Amino acid sequence: MPNQEVFFEQTSGNRHVEVRKIYDRNYAREAFLNMDEDAEAYLWHSLRFSEAYDAAEVPPPGDPAGEDFLWGELLDAAREDGNLLSFFVVNEGNGTASEPVYVSPDWPSAEAFAKKRVIANG
């Protein structure tokens, strides 16, 4: 399995935000469960469900079935090669403590979300 690597890093004051490409499905799930409503909405938007599904096929955000649907779509989009899954996790912290706040199957949305967090908390 490939090693994780840092794709983006920025510090503003004592706030540090980074994007790591990871291959650990369990850590990706932890990041997914740790996302707040804003992060979840950002992921819904970035996966562009309206382009792939009819509105009736997609549970609305906030629906209990929506979380399982979103996780399944994230896994499908994270497929890199065969059974290899890769994720981009945005970690945020201050000092030595850091926690995952967003996970995406693609680099552009993870970078944009990370930059948004830097600006919002800067």
PDB file of N, CA and C in Angstrom:
ATOM      1  N   MET A   1       0.853  -1.183   0.000  1.00  0.00           N
ATOM      2  CA  MET A   1       0.000   0.000   0.000  1.00  0.00           C
ATOM      3  C   MET A   1       0.894   1.241   0.000  1.00  0.00           C
ATOM      4  N   PRO A   2       0.572   2.198  -0.838  1.00  0.00           N
ATOM      5  CA  PRO A   2       1.372   3.430  -0.884  1.00  0.00           C
ATOM      6  C   PRO A   2       1.307   4.195   0.444  1.00  0.00           C
ATOM      7  N   ASN A   3       2.314   5.008   0.666  1.00  0.00           N
ATOM      8  CA  ASN A   3       2.344   5.833   1.875  1.00  0.00           C
ATOM      9  C   ASN A   3       1.483   7.074   1.682  1.00  0.00           C
ATOM     10  N   GLN A   4       1.001   7.599   2.800  1.00  0.00           N
ATOM     11  CA  GLN A   4       0.275   8.861   2.716  1.00  0.00           C
ATOM     12  C   GLN A   4       1.274   9.989   2.473  1.00  0.00           C
ATOM     13  N   GLU A   5       0.762  11.064   1.893  1.00  0.00           N
ATOM     14  CA  GLU A   5       1.634  12.210   1.650  1.00  0.00           C
ATOM     15  C   GLU A   5       0.850  13.503   1.820  1.00  0.00           C
ATOM     16  N   VAL A   6       1.576  14.558   2.183  1.00  0.00           N
ATOM     17  CA  VAL A   6       0.970  15.865   2.368  1.00  0.00           C
ATOM     18  C   VAL A   6       0.896  16.560   1.015  1.00  0.00           C
ATOM     19  N   PHE A   7      -0.296  17.033   0.636  1.00  0.00           N
ATOM     20  CA  PHE A   7      -0.508  17.717  -0.633  1.00  0.00           C
ATOM     21  C   PHE A   7      -0.643  19.224  -0.464  1.00  0.00           C
ATOM     22  N   PHE A   8      -1.009  19.664   0.725  1.00  0.00           N
ATOM     23  CA  PHE A   8      -1.223  21.089   0.987  1.00  0.00           C
ATOM     24  C   PHE A   8      -1.023  21.310   2.471  1.00  0.00           C
ATOM     25  N   GLU A   9      -0.414  22.434   2.813  1.00  0.00           N
ATOM     26  CA  GLU A   9      -0.191  22.794   4.206  1.00  0.00           C
ATOM     27  C   GLU A   9      -0.193  24.295   4.323  1.00  0.00           C
ATOM     28  N   GLN A  10      -0.919  24.818   5.309  1.00  0.00           N
ATOM     29  CA  GLN A  10      -0.911  26.252   5.527  1.00  0.00           C
ATOM     30  C   GLN A  10      -1.164  26.526   7.007  1.00  0.00           C
ATOM     31  N   THR A  11      -0.446  27.528   7.518  1.00  0.00           N
ATOM     32  CA  THR A  11      -0.617  27.943   8.899  1.00  0.00           C
ATOM     33  C   THR A  11      -0.993  29.412   8.922  1.00  0.00           C
ATOM     34  N   SER A  12      -1.972  29.729   9.753  1.00  0.00           N
ATOM     35  CA  SER A  12      -2.404  31.108   9.947  1.00  0.00           C
ATOM     36  C   SER A  12      -2.543  31.310  11.452  1.00  0.00           C
ATOM     37  N   GLY A  13      -1.631  32.112  12.027  1.00  0.00           N
ATOM     38  CA  GLY A  13      -1.613  32.242  13.488  1.00  0.00           C
ATOM     39  C   GLY A  13      -1.228  30.906  14.094  1.00  0.00           C
ATOM     40  N   ASN A  14      -2.045  30.424  15.025  1.00  0.00           N
ATOM     41  CA  ASN A  14      -1.751  29.114  15.598  1.00  0.00           C
ATOM     42  C   ASN A  14      -2.604  28.016  14.961  1.00  0.00           C
ATOM     43  N   ARG A  15      -3.362  28.366  13.924  1.00  0.00           N
ATOM     44  CA  ARG A  15      -4.223  27.408  13.210  1.00  0.00           C
ATOM     45  C   ARG A  15      -3.450  26.790  12.048  1.00  0.00           C
ATOM     46  N   HIS A  16      -3.427  25.465  11.995  1.00  0.00           N
ATOM     47  CA  HIS A  16      -2.712  24.739  10.945  1.00  0.00           C
ATOM     48  C   HIS A  16      -3.717  23.866  10.198  1.00  0.00           C
ATOM     49  N   VAL A  17      -3.704  23.936   8.876  1.00  0.00           N
ATOM     50  CA  VAL A  17      -4.575  23.119   8.034  1.00  0.00           C
ATOM     51  C   VAL A  17      -3.697  22.385   7.029  1.00  0.00           C
ATOM     52  N   GLU A  18      -3.987  21.105   6.829  1.00  0.00           N
ATOM     53  CA  GLU A  18      -3.240  20.324   5.850  1.00  0.00           C
ATOM     54  C   GLU A  18      -4.175  19.364   5.135  1.00  0.00           C
ATOM     55  N   VAL A  19      -3.784  18.992   3.926  1.00  0.00           N
ATOM     56  CA  VAL A  19      -4.493  17.973   3.162  1.00  0.00           C
ATOM     57  C   VAL A  19      -3.517  16.828   2.960  1.00  0.00           C
ATOM     58  N   ARG A  20      -3.934  15.652   3.368  1.00  0.00           N
ATOM     59  CA  ARG A  20      -3.125  14.450   3.192  1.00  0.00           C
ATOM     60  C   ARG A  20      -3.837  13.471   2.283  1.00  0.00           C
ATOM     61  N   LYS A  21      -3.103  12.886   1.368  1.00  0.00           N
ATOM     62  CA  LYS A  21      -3.641  11.787   0.572  1.00  0.00           C
ATOM     63  C   LYS A  21      -3.363  10.522   1.357  1.00  0.00           C
ATOM     64  N   ILE A  22      -4.429   9.783   1.640  1.00  0.00           N
ATOM     65  CA  ILE A  22      -4.288   8.563   2.437  1.00  0.00           C
ATOM     66  C   ILE A  22      -4.912   7.381   1.695  1.00  0.00           C
ATOM     67  N   TYR A  23      -4.582   6.203   2.163  1.00  0.00           N
ATOM     68  CA  TYR A  23      -5.113   4.976   1.589  1.00  0.00           C
ATOM     69  C   TYR A  23      -5.796   4.125   2.654  1.00  0.00           C
ATOM     70  N   ASP A  24      -5.980   4.680   3.825  1.00  0.00           N
ATOM     71  CA  ASP A  24      -6.562   3.977   4.964  1.00  0.00           C
ATOM     72  C   ASP A  24      -8.070   4.245   5.027  1.00  0.00           C
ATOM     73  N   ARG A  25      -8.847   3.244   4.656  1.00  0.00           N
ATOM     74  CA  ARG A  25     -10.307   3.385   4.633  1.00  0.00           C
ATOM     75  C   ARG A  25     -10.868   3.680   6.021  1.00  0.00           C
ATOM     76  N   ASN A  26     -10.288   3.100   7.062  1.00  0.00           N
ATOM     77  CA  ASN A  26     -10.777   3.328   8.423  1.00  0.00           C
ATOM     78  C   ASN A  26     -10.560   4.778   8.858  1.00  0.00           C
ATOM     79  N   TYR A  27      -9.404   5.340   8.523  1.00  0.00           N
ATOM     80  CA  TYR A  27      -9.153   6.738   8.866  1.00  0.00           C
ATOM     81  C   TYR A  27     -10.068   7.658   8.057  1.00  0.00           C
ATOM     82  N   ALA A  28     -10.306   7.293   6.796  1.00  0.00           N
ATOM     83  CA  ALA A  28     -11.233   8.072   5.968  1.00  0.00           C
ATOM     84  C   ALA A  28     -12.628   8.044   6.578  1.00  0.00           C
ATOM     85  N   ARG A  29     -13.041   6.902   7.079  1.00  0.00           N
ATOM     86  CA  ARG A  29     -14.359   6.788   7.711  1.00  0.00           C
ATOM     87  C   ARG A  29     -14.417   7.649   8.970  1.00  0.00           C
ATOM     88  N   GLU A  30     -13.332   7.637   9.757  1.00  0.00           N
ATOM     89  CA  GLU A  30     -13.264   8.487  10.952  1.00  0.00           C
ATOM     90  C   GLU A  30     -13.407   9.959  10.570  1.00  0.00           C
ATOM     91  N   ALA A  31     -12.714  10.371   9.524  1.00  0.00           N
ATOM     92  CA  ALA A  31     -12.817  11.758   9.059  1.00  0.00           C
ATOM     93  C   ALA A  31     -14.240  12.054   8.589  1.00  0.00           C
ATOM     94  N   PHE A  32     -14.842  11.116   7.878  1.00  0.00           N
ATOM     95  CA  PHE A  32     -16.204  11.280   7.394  1.00  0.00           C
ATOM     96  C   PHE A  32     -17.178  11.475   8.554  1.00  0.00           C
ATOM     97  N   LEU A  33     -17.055  10.658   9.580  1.00  0.00           N
ATOM     98  CA  LEU A  33     -17.953  10.756  10.730  1.00  0.00           C
ATOM     99  C   LEU A  33     -17.695  12.013  11.556  1.00  0.00           C
ATOM    100  N   ASN A  34     -16.524  12.591  11.404  1.00  0.00           N
ATOM    101  CA  ASN A  34     -16.145  13.786  12.154  1.00  0.00           C
ATOM    102  C   ASN A  34     -16.567  15.084  11.447  1.00  0.00           C
ATOM    103  N   MET A  35     -17.044  14.975  10.196  1.00  0.00           N
ATOM    104  CA  MET A  35     -17.405  16.174   9.435  1.00  0.00           C
ATOM    105  C   MET A  35     -18.625  16.858  10.045  1.00  0.00           C
ATOM    106  N   ASP A  36     -18.591  18.190  10.057  1.00  0.00           N
ATOM    107  CA  ASP A  36     -19.763  18.944  10.508  1.00  0.00           C
ATOM    108  C   ASP A  36     -20.699  19.148   9.317  1.00  0.00           C
ATOM    109  N   GLU A  37     -21.817  19.831   9.538  1.00  0.00           N
ATOM    110  CA  GLU A  37     -22.816  20.029   8.485  1.00  0.00           C
ATOM    111  C   GLU A  37     -22.245  20.780   7.281  1.00  0.00           C
ATOM    112  N   ASP A  38     -21.403  21.766   7.533  1.00  0.00           N
ATOM    113  CA  ASP A  38     -20.801  22.542   6.453  1.00  0.00           C
ATOM    114  C   ASP A  38     -19.920  21.649   5.583  1.00  0.00           C
ATOM    115  N   ALA A  39     -19.103  20.821   6.226  1.00  0.00           N
ATOM    116  CA  ALA A  39     -18.217  19.923   5.483  1.00  0.00           C
ATOM    117  C   ALA A  39     -19.024  18.894   4.695  1.00  0.00           C
ATOM    118  N   GLU A  40     -20.068  18.378   5.303  1.00  0.00           N
ATOM    119  CA  GLU A  40     -20.906  17.393   4.621  1.00  0.00           C
ATOM    120  C   GLU A  40     -21.594  18.023   3.401  1.00  0.00           C
ATOM    121  N   ALA A  41     -22.107  19.235   3.568  1.00  0.00           N
ATOM    122  CA  ALA A  41     -22.745  19.929   2.450  1.00  0.00           C
ATOM    123  C   ALA A  41     -21.730  20.187   1.334  1.00  0.00           C
ATOM    124  N   TYR A  42     -20.503  20.528   1.706  1.00  0.00           N
ATOM    125  CA  TYR A  42     -19.455  20.777   0.720  1.00  0.00           C
ATOM    126  C   TYR A  42     -19.164  19.503  -0.074  1.00  0.00           C
ATOM    127  N   LEU A  43     -19.120  18.367   0.617  1.00  0.00           N
ATOM    128  CA  LEU A  43     -18.874  17.086  -0.050  1.00  0.00           C
ATOM    129  C   LEU A  43     -20.042  16.730  -0.974  1.00  0.00           C
ATOM    130  N   TRP A  44     -21.287  16.904  -0.490  1.00  0.00           N
ATOM    131  CA  TRP A  44     -22.457  16.653  -1.339  1.00  0.00           C
ATOM    132  C   TRP A  44     -22.327  17.440  -2.639  1.00  0.00           C
ATOM    133  N   HIS A  45     -21.991  18.713  -2.520  1.00  0.00           N
ATOM    134  CA  HIS A  45     -21.877  19.581  -3.696  1.00  0.00           C
ATOM    135  C   HIS A  45     -20.723  19.137  -4.605  1.00  0.00           C
ATOM    136  N   SER A  46     -19.606  18.793  -4.018  1.00  0.00           N
ATOM    137  CA  SER A  46     -18.424  18.453  -4.823  1.00  0.00           C
ATOM    138  C   SER A  46     -18.588  17.142  -5.595  1.00  0.00           C
ATOM    139  N   LEU A  47     -19.430  16.238  -5.087  1.00  0.00           N
ATOM    140  CA  LEU A  47     -19.637  14.968  -5.784  1.00  0.00           C
ATOM    141  C   LEU A  47     -20.643  15.080  -6.938  1.00  0.00           C
ATOM    142  N   ARG A  48     -21.291  16.222  -7.057  1.00  0.00           N
ATOM    143  CA  ARG A  48     -22.172  16.554  -8.192  1.00  0.00           C
ATOM    144  C   ARG A  48     -23.218  15.471  -8.481  1.00  0.00           C
ATOM    145  N   PHE A  49     -23.980  15.145  -7.473  1.00  0.00           N
ATOM    146  CA  PHE A  49     -25.018  14.129  -7.625  1.00  0.00           C
ATOM    147  C   PHE A  49     -26.056  14.508  -8.672  1.00  0.00           C
ATOM    148  N   SER A  50     -26.348  15.789  -8.811  1.00  0.00           N
ATOM    149  CA  SER A  50     -27.379  16.217  -9.762  1.00  0.00           C
ATOM    150  C   SER A  50     -27.003  15.873 -11.201  1.00  0.00           C
ATOM    151  N   GLU A  51     -25.715  15.690 -11.463  1.00  0.00           N
ATOM    152  CA  GLU A  51     -25.275  15.331 -12.807  1.00  0.00           C
ATOM    153  C   GLU A  51     -25.359  13.827 -13.068  1.00  0.00           C
ATOM    154  N   ALA A  52     -25.358  13.031 -12.006  1.00  0.00           N
ATOM    155  CA  ALA A  52     -25.331  11.576 -12.154  1.00  0.00           C
ATOM    156  C   ALA A  52     -26.662  10.897 -11.825  1.00  0.00           C
ATOM    157  N   TYR A  53     -27.515  11.571 -11.072  1.00  0.00           N
ATOM    158  CA  TYR A  53     -28.768  10.964 -10.613  1.00  0.00           C
ATOM    159  C   TYR A  53     -29.939  11.902 -10.842  1.00  0.00           C
ATOM    160  N   ASP A  54     -31.116  11.306 -10.933  1.00  0.00           N
ATOM    161  CA  ASP A  54     -32.346  12.084 -10.866  1.00  0.00           C
ATOM    162  C   ASP A  54     -32.542  12.483  -9.417  1.00  0.00           C
ATOM    163  N   ALA A  55     -33.168  13.620  -9.192  1.00  0.00           N
ATOM    164  CA  ALA A  55     -33.368  14.124  -7.825  1.00  0.00           C
ATOM    165  C   ALA A  55     -34.073  13.109  -6.937  1.00  0.00           C
ATOM    166  N   ALA A  56     -34.980  12.324  -7.472  1.00  0.00           N
ATOM    167  CA  ALA A  56     -35.729  11.342  -6.677  1.00  0.00           C
ATOM    168  C   ALA A  56     -34.849  10.183  -6.197  1.00  0.00           C
ATOM    169  N   GLU A  57     -33.693   9.980  -6.823  1.00  0.00           N
ATOM    170  CA  GLU A  57     -32.800   8.874  -6.464  1.00  0.00           C
ATOM    171  C   GLU A  57     -31.844   9.225  -5.323  1.00  0.00           C
ATOM    172  N   VAL A  58     -31.739  10.483  -5.004  1.00  0.00           N
ATOM    173  CA  VAL A  58     -30.761  10.939  -4.009  1.00  0.00           C
ATOM    174  C   VAL A  58     -31.479  11.369  -2.742  1.00  0.00           C
ATOM    175  N   PRO A  59     -31.112  10.753  -1.601  1.00  0.00           N
ATOM    176  CA  PRO A  59     -31.717  11.216  -0.351  1.00  0.00           C
ATOM    177  C   PRO A  59     -31.297  12.652  -0.070  1.00  0.00           C
ATOM    178  N   PRO A  60     -32.186  13.462   0.455  1.00  0.00           N
ATOM    179  CA  PRO A  60     -31.808  14.849   0.737  1.00  0.00           C
ATOM    180  C   PRO A  60     -30.801  14.926   1.880  1.00  0.00           C
ATOM    181  N   PRO A  61     -29.927  15.917   1.856  1.00  0.00           N
ATOM    182  CA  PRO A  61     -29.002  16.097   2.979  1.00  0.00           C
ATOM    183  C   PRO A  61     -29.792  16.198   4.283  1.00  0.00           C
ATOM    184  N   GLY A  62     -29.285  15.564   5.304  1.00  0.00           N
ATOM    185  CA  GLY A  62     -29.964  15.556   6.596  1.00  0.00           C
ATOM    186  C   GLY A  62     -30.816  14.315   6.794  1.00  0.00           C
ATOM    187  N   ASP A  63     -31.197  13.634   5.706  1.00  0.00           N
ATOM    188  CA  ASP A  63     -31.962  12.391   5.790  1.00  0.00           C
ATOM    189  C   ASP A  63     -31.029  11.308   6.339  1.00  0.00           C
ATOM    190  N   PRO A  64     -31.508  10.462   7.272  1.00  0.00           N
ATOM    191  CA  PRO A  64     -30.641   9.406   7.819  1.00  0.00           C
ATOM    192  C   PRO A  64     -30.054   8.491   6.743  1.00  0.00           C
ATOM    193  N   ALA A  65     -30.785   8.238   5.674  1.00  0.00           N
ATOM    194  CA  ALA A  65     -30.261   7.408   4.584  1.00  0.00           C
ATOM    195  C   ALA A  65     -29.190   8.152   3.789  1.00  0.00           C
ATOM    196  N   GLY A  66     -29.177   9.465   3.909  1.00  0.00           N
ATOM    197  CA  GLY A  66     -28.219  10.267   3.170  1.00  0.00           C
ATOM    198  C   GLY A  66     -26.778   9.993   3.556  1.00  0.00           C
ATOM    199  N   GLU A  67     -26.529   9.737   4.837  1.00  0.00           N
ATOM    200  CA  GLU A  67     -25.162   9.480   5.284  1.00  0.00           C
ATOM    201  C   GLU A  67     -24.607   8.214   4.647  1.00  0.00           C
ATOM    202  N   ASP A  68     -25.398   7.133   4.623  1.00  0.00           N
ATOM    203  CA  ASP A  68     -24.957   5.888   3.995  1.00  0.00           C
ATOM    204  C   ASP A  68     -24.761   6.078   2.487  1.00  0.00           C
ATOM    205  N   PHE A  69     -25.673   6.806   1.865  1.00  0.00           N
ATOM    206  CA  PHE A  69     -25.569   7.090   0.434  1.00  0.00           C
ATOM    207  C   PHE A  69     -24.288   7.868   0.145  1.00  0.00           C
ATOM    208  N   LEU A  70     -24.040   8.909   0.936  1.00  0.00           N
ATOM    209  CA  LEU A  70     -22.862   9.753   0.737  1.00  0.00           C
ATOM    210  C   LEU A  70     -21.580   8.949   0.923  1.00  0.00           C
ATOM    211  N   TRP A  71     -21.514   8.111   1.962  1.00  0.00           N
ATOM    212  CA  TRP A  71     -20.335   7.282   2.209  1.00  0.00           C
ATOM    213  C   TRP A  71     -20.114   6.312   1.042  1.00  0.00           C
ATOM    214  N   GLY A  72     -21.181   5.691   0.562  1.00  0.00           N
ATOM    215  CA  GLY A  72     -21.057   4.767  -0.566  1.00  0.00           C
ATOM    216  C   GLY A  72     -20.550   5.452  -1.818  1.00  0.00           C
ATOM    217  N   GLU A  73     -21.053   6.647  -2.080  1.00  0.00           N
ATOM    218  CA  GLU A  73     -20.604   7.404  -3.252  1.00  0.00           C
ATOM    219  C   GLU A  73     -19.147   7.848  -3.096  1.00  0.00           C
ATOM    220  N   LEU A  74     -18.783   8.210  -1.880  1.00  0.00           N
ATOM    221  CA  LEU A  74     -17.397   8.591  -1.601  1.00  0.00           C
ATOM    222  C   LEU A  74     -16.470   7.413  -1.876  1.00  0.00           C
ATOM    223  N   LEU A  75     -16.855   6.222  -1.418  1.00  0.00           N
ATOM    224  CA  LEU A  75     -16.033   5.030  -1.660  1.00  0.00           C
ATOM    225  C   LEU A  75     -15.911   4.742  -3.158  1.00  0.00           C
ATOM    226  N   ASP A  76     -17.017   4.834  -3.874  1.00  0.00           N
ATOM    227  CA  ASP A  76     -16.968   4.586  -5.321  1.00  0.00           C
ATOM    228  C   ASP A  76     -16.046   5.579  -6.025  1.00  0.00           C
ATOM    229  N   ALA A  77     -16.133   6.831  -5.639  1.00  0.00           N
ATOM    230  CA  ALA A  77     -15.314   7.870  -6.273  1.00  0.00           C
ATOM    231  C   ALA A  77     -13.844   7.781  -5.862  1.00  0.00           C
ATOM    232  N   ALA A  78     -13.578   7.150  -4.727  1.00  0.00           N
ATOM    233  CA  ALA A  78     -12.207   7.059  -4.210  1.00  0.00           C
ATOM    234  C   ALA A  78     -11.420   5.912  -4.849  1.00  0.00           C
ATOM    235  N   ARG A  79     -12.079   5.104  -5.649  1.00  0.00           N
ATOM    236  CA  ARG A  79     -11.406   3.963  -6.266  1.00  0.00           C
ATOM    237  C   ARG A  79     -10.361   4.462  -7.248  1.00  0.00           C
ATOM    238  N   GLU A  80      -9.120   4.115  -6.970  1.00  0.00           N
ATOM    239  CA  GLU A  80      -8.011   4.599  -7.787  1.00  0.00           C
ATOM    240  C   GLU A  80      -7.618   3.574  -8.843  1.00  0.00           C
ATOM    241  N   ASP A  81      -7.458   2.340  -8.412  1.00  0.00           N
ATOM    242  CA  ASP A  81      -7.031   1.289  -9.327  1.00  0.00           C
ATOM    243  C   ASP A  81      -7.445  -0.045  -8.725  1.00  0.00           C
ATOM    244  N   GLY A  82      -8.355  -0.744  -9.367  1.00  0.00           N
ATOM    245  CA  GLY A  82      -8.818  -2.017  -8.818  1.00  0.00           C
ATOM    246  C   GLY A  82      -9.477  -1.812  -7.469  1.00  0.00           C
ATOM    247  N   ASN A  83      -8.905  -2.425  -6.450  1.00  0.00           N
ATOM    248  CA  ASN A  83      -9.443  -2.296  -5.094  1.00  0.00           C
ATOM    249  C   ASN A  83      -8.745  -1.215  -4.275  1.00  0.00           C
ATOM    250  N   LEU A  84      -7.794  -0.503  -4.865  1.00  0.00           N
ATOM    251  CA  LEU A  84      -7.074   0.546  -4.150  1.00  0.00           C
ATOM    252  C   LEU A  84      -7.944   1.796  -4.042  1.00  0.00           C
ATOM    253  N   LEU A  85      -8.165   2.234  -2.802  1.00  0.00           N
ATOM    254  CA  LEU A  85      -8.930   3.445  -2.543  1.00  0.00           C
ATOM    255  C   LEU A  85      -7.991   4.525  -2.030  1.00  0.00           C
ATOM    256  N   SER A  86      -8.185   5.740  -2.513  1.00  0.00           N
ATOM    257  CA  SER A  86      -7.394   6.858  -1.990  1.00  0.00           C
ATOM    258  C   SER A  86      -8.341   7.991  -1.633  1.00  0.00           C
ATOM    259  N   PHE A  87      -7.986   8.691  -0.572  1.00  0.00           N
ATOM    260  CA  PHE A  87      -8.810   9.766  -0.039  1.00  0.00           C
ATOM    261  C   PHE A  87      -7.921  10.964   0.247  1.00  0.00           C
ATOM    262  N   PHE A  88      -8.528  12.141   0.216  1.00  0.00           N
ATOM    263  CA  PHE A  88      -7.843  13.367   0.605  1.00  0.00           C
ATOM    264  C   PHE A  88      -8.523  13.867   1.874  1.00  0.00           C
ATOM    265  N   VAL A  89      -7.778  13.868   2.961  1.00  0.00           N
ATOM    266  CA  VAL A  89      -8.318  14.251   4.271  1.00  0.00           C
ATOM    267  C   VAL A  89      -7.764  15.610   4.665  1.00  0.00           C
ATOM    268  N   VAL A  90      -8.670  16.507   5.045  1.00  0.00           N
ATOM    269  CA  VAL A  90      -8.272  17.813   5.563  1.00  0.00           C
ATOM    270  C   VAL A  90      -8.209  17.698   7.069  1.00  0.00           C
ATOM    271  N   ASN A  91      -7.023  17.951   7.616  1.00  0.00           N
ATOM    272  CA  ASN A  91      -6.815  17.967   9.063  1.00  0.00           C
ATOM    273  C   ASN A  91      -6.631  19.410   9.493  1.00  0.00           C
ATOM    274  N   GLU A  92      -7.182  19.727  10.646  1.00  0.00           N
ATOM    275  CA  GLU A  92      -7.085  21.083  11.165  1.00  0.00           C
ATOM    276  C   GLU A  92      -6.735  21.008  12.646  1.00  0.00           C
ATOM    277  N   GLY A  93      -5.907  21.933  13.073  1.00  0.00           N
ATOM    278  CA  GLY A  93      -5.559  21.944  14.485  1.00  0.00           C
ATOM    279  C   GLY A  93      -4.802  23.181  14.875  1.00  0.00           C
ATOM    280  N   ASN A  94      -4.502  23.234  16.152  1.00  0.00           N
ATOM    281  CA  ASN A  94      -3.667  24.310  16.678  1.00  0.00           C
ATOM    282  C   ASN A  94      -2.668  23.672  17.619  1.00  0.00           C
ATOM    283  N   GLY A  95      -1.467  24.177  17.602  1.00  0.00           N
ATOM    284  CA  GLY A  95      -0.418  23.577  18.428  1.00  0.00           C
ATOM    285  C   GLY A  95      -0.116  22.169  17.952  1.00  0.00           C
ATOM    286  N   THR A  96      -0.197  21.220  18.875  1.00  0.00           N
ATOM    287  CA  THR A  96       0.133  19.842  18.539  1.00  0.00           C
ATOM    288  C   THR A  96      -1.099  18.985  18.268  1.00  0.00           C
ATOM    289  N   ALA A  97      -2.292  19.445  18.629  1.00  0.00           N
ATOM    290  CA  ALA A  97      -3.510  18.670  18.417  1.00  0.00           C
ATOM    291  C   ALA A  97      -4.090  18.959  17.036  1.00  0.00           C
ATOM    292  N   SER A  98      -4.495  17.907  16.356  1.00  0.00           N
ATOM    293  CA  SER A  98      -5.066  18.033  15.026  1.00  0.00           C
ATOM    294  C   SER A  98      -6.167  16.998  14.879  1.00  0.00           C
ATOM    295  N   GLU A  99      -7.207  17.342  14.097  1.00  0.00           N
ATOM    296  CA  GLU A  99      -8.281  16.380  13.862  1.00  0.00           C
ATOM    297  C   GLU A  99      -8.762  16.482  12.425  1.00  0.00           C
ATOM    298  N   PRO A 100      -9.271  15.374  11.884  1.00  0.00           N
ATOM    299  CA  PRO A 100      -9.797  15.402  10.531  1.00  0.00           C
ATOM    300  C   PRO A 100     -11.134  16.133  10.511  1.00  0.00           C
ATOM    301  N   VAL A 101     -11.327  17.023   9.508  1.00  0.00           N
ATOM    302  CA  VAL A 101     -12.564  17.798   9.420  1.00  0.00           C
ATOM    303  C   VAL A 101     -13.282  17.605   8.082  1.00  0.00           C
ATOM    304  N   TYR A 102     -12.626  16.936   7.125  1.00  0.00           N
ATOM    305  CA  TYR A 102     -13.228  16.749   5.804  1.00  0.00           C
ATOM    306  C   TYR A 102     -12.503  15.619   5.093  1.00  0.00           C
ATOM    307  N   VAL A 103     -13.237  14.860   4.303  1.00  0.00           N
ATOM    308  CA  VAL A 103     -12.628  13.821   3.471  1.00  0.00           C
ATOM    309  C   VAL A 103     -13.288  13.866   2.103  1.00  0.00           C
ATOM    310  N   SER A 104     -12.476  13.684   1.082  1.00  0.00           N
ATOM    311  CA  SER A 104     -12.945  13.760  -0.290  1.00  0.00           C
ATOM    312  C   SER A 104     -12.207  12.716  -1.129  1.00  0.00           C
ATOM    313  N   PRO A 105     -12.827  12.295  -2.229  1.00  0.00           N
ATOM    314  CA  PRO A 105     -12.114  11.392  -3.124  1.00  0.00           C
ATOM    315  C   PRO A 105     -11.216  12.134  -4.112  1.00  0.00           C
ATOM    316  N   ASP A 106     -11.286  13.470  -4.106  1.00  0.00           N
ATOM    317  CA  ASP A 106     -10.504  14.222  -5.091  1.00  0.00           C
ATOM    318  C   ASP A 106      -9.730  15.368  -4.446  1.00  0.00           C
ATOM    319  N   TRP A 107      -8.610  15.659  -5.068  1.00  0.00           N
ATOM    320  CA  TRP A 107      -7.711  16.701  -4.586  1.00  0.00           C
ATOM    321  C   TRP A 107      -8.313  18.100  -4.686  1.00  0.00           C
ATOM    322  N   PRO A 108      -8.927  18.485  -5.804  1.00  0.00           N
ATOM    323  CA  PRO A 108      -9.411  19.873  -5.915  1.00  0.00           C
ATOM    324  C   PRO A 108     -10.410  20.275  -4.822  1.00  0.00           C
ATOM    325  N   SER A 109     -11.361  19.418  -4.498  1.00  0.00           N
ATOM    326  CA  SER A 109     -12.336  19.816  -3.472  1.00  0.00           C
ATOM    327  C   SER A 109     -11.698  19.850  -2.086  1.00  0.00           C
ATOM    328  N   ALA A 110     -10.766  18.952  -1.831  1.00  0.00           N
ATOM    329  CA  ALA A 110     -10.085  18.960  -0.531  1.00  0.00           C
ATOM    330  C   ALA A 110      -9.246  20.226  -0.369  1.00  0.00           C
ATOM    331  N   GLU A 111      -8.523  20.602  -1.418  1.00  0.00           N
ATOM    332  CA  GLU A 111      -7.712  21.819  -1.359  1.00  0.00           C
ATOM    333  C   GLU A 111      -8.601  23.050  -1.163  1.00  0.00           C
ATOM    334  N   ALA A 112      -9.699  23.123  -1.923  1.00  0.00           N
ATOM    335  CA  ALA A 112     -10.601  24.272  -1.809  1.00  0.00           C
ATOM    336  C   ALA A 112     -11.219  24.348  -0.416  1.00  0.00           C
ATOM    337  N   PHE A 113     -11.609  23.202   0.143  1.00  0.00           N
ATOM    338  CA  PHE A 113     -12.174  23.191   1.480  1.00  0.00           C
ATOM    339  C   PHE A 113     -11.125  23.636   2.508  1.00  0.00           C
ATOM    340  N   ALA A 114      -9.902  23.154   2.359  1.00  0.00           N
ATOM    341  CA  ALA A 114      -8.821  23.533   3.284  1.00  0.00           C
ATOM    342  C   ALA A 114      -8.559  25.032   3.233  1.00  0.00           C
ATOM    343  N   LYS A 115      -8.498  25.585   2.041  1.00  0.00           N
ATOM    344  CA  LYS A 115      -8.265  27.028   1.903  1.00  0.00           C
ATOM    345  C   LYS A 115      -9.415  27.830   2.503  1.00  0.00           C
ATOM    346  N   LYS A 116     -10.632  27.343   2.334  1.00  0.00           N
ATOM    347  CA  LYS A 116     -11.796  27.975   2.925  1.00  0.00           C
ATOM    348  C   LYS A 116     -11.679  28.003   4.457  1.00  0.00           C
ATOM    349  N   ARG A 117     -11.184  26.901   5.023  1.00  0.00           N
ATOM    350  CA  ARG A 117     -11.022  26.829   6.489  1.00  0.00           C
ATOM    351  C   ARG A 117      -9.942  27.798   6.970  1.00  0.00           C
ATOM    352  N   VAL A 118      -8.872  27.937   6.202  1.00  0.00           N
ATOM    353  CA  VAL A 118      -7.793  28.856   6.565  1.00  0.00           C
ATOM    354  C   VAL A 118      -8.338  30.278   6.592  1.00  0.00           C
ATOM    355  N   ILE A 119      -9.090  30.641   5.557  1.00  0.00           N
ATOM    356  CA  ILE A 119      -9.651  31.997   5.470  1.00  0.00           C
ATOM    357  C   ILE A 119     -10.656  32.246   6.604  1.00  0.00           C
ATOM    358  N   ALA A 120     -11.524  31.267   6.849  1.00  0.00           N
ATOM    359  CA  ALA A 120     -12.568  31.406   7.866  1.00  0.00           C
ATOM    360  C   ALA A 120     -11.999  31.508   9.287  1.00  0.00           C
ATOM    361  N   ASN A 121     -10.881  30.833   9.503  1.00  0.00           N
ATOM    362  CA  ASN A 121     -10.305  30.795  10.848  1.00  0.00           C
ATOM    363  C   ASN A 121      -9.052  31.647  10.979  1.00  0.00           C
ATOM    364  N   GLY A 122      -8.704  32.363   9.921  1.00  0.00           N
ATOM    365  CA  GLY A 122      -7.470  33.140   9.903  1.00  0.00           C
ATOM    366  C   GLY A 122      -7.609  34.444  10.508  1.00  0.00           C
TER     367      GLY A 122
END
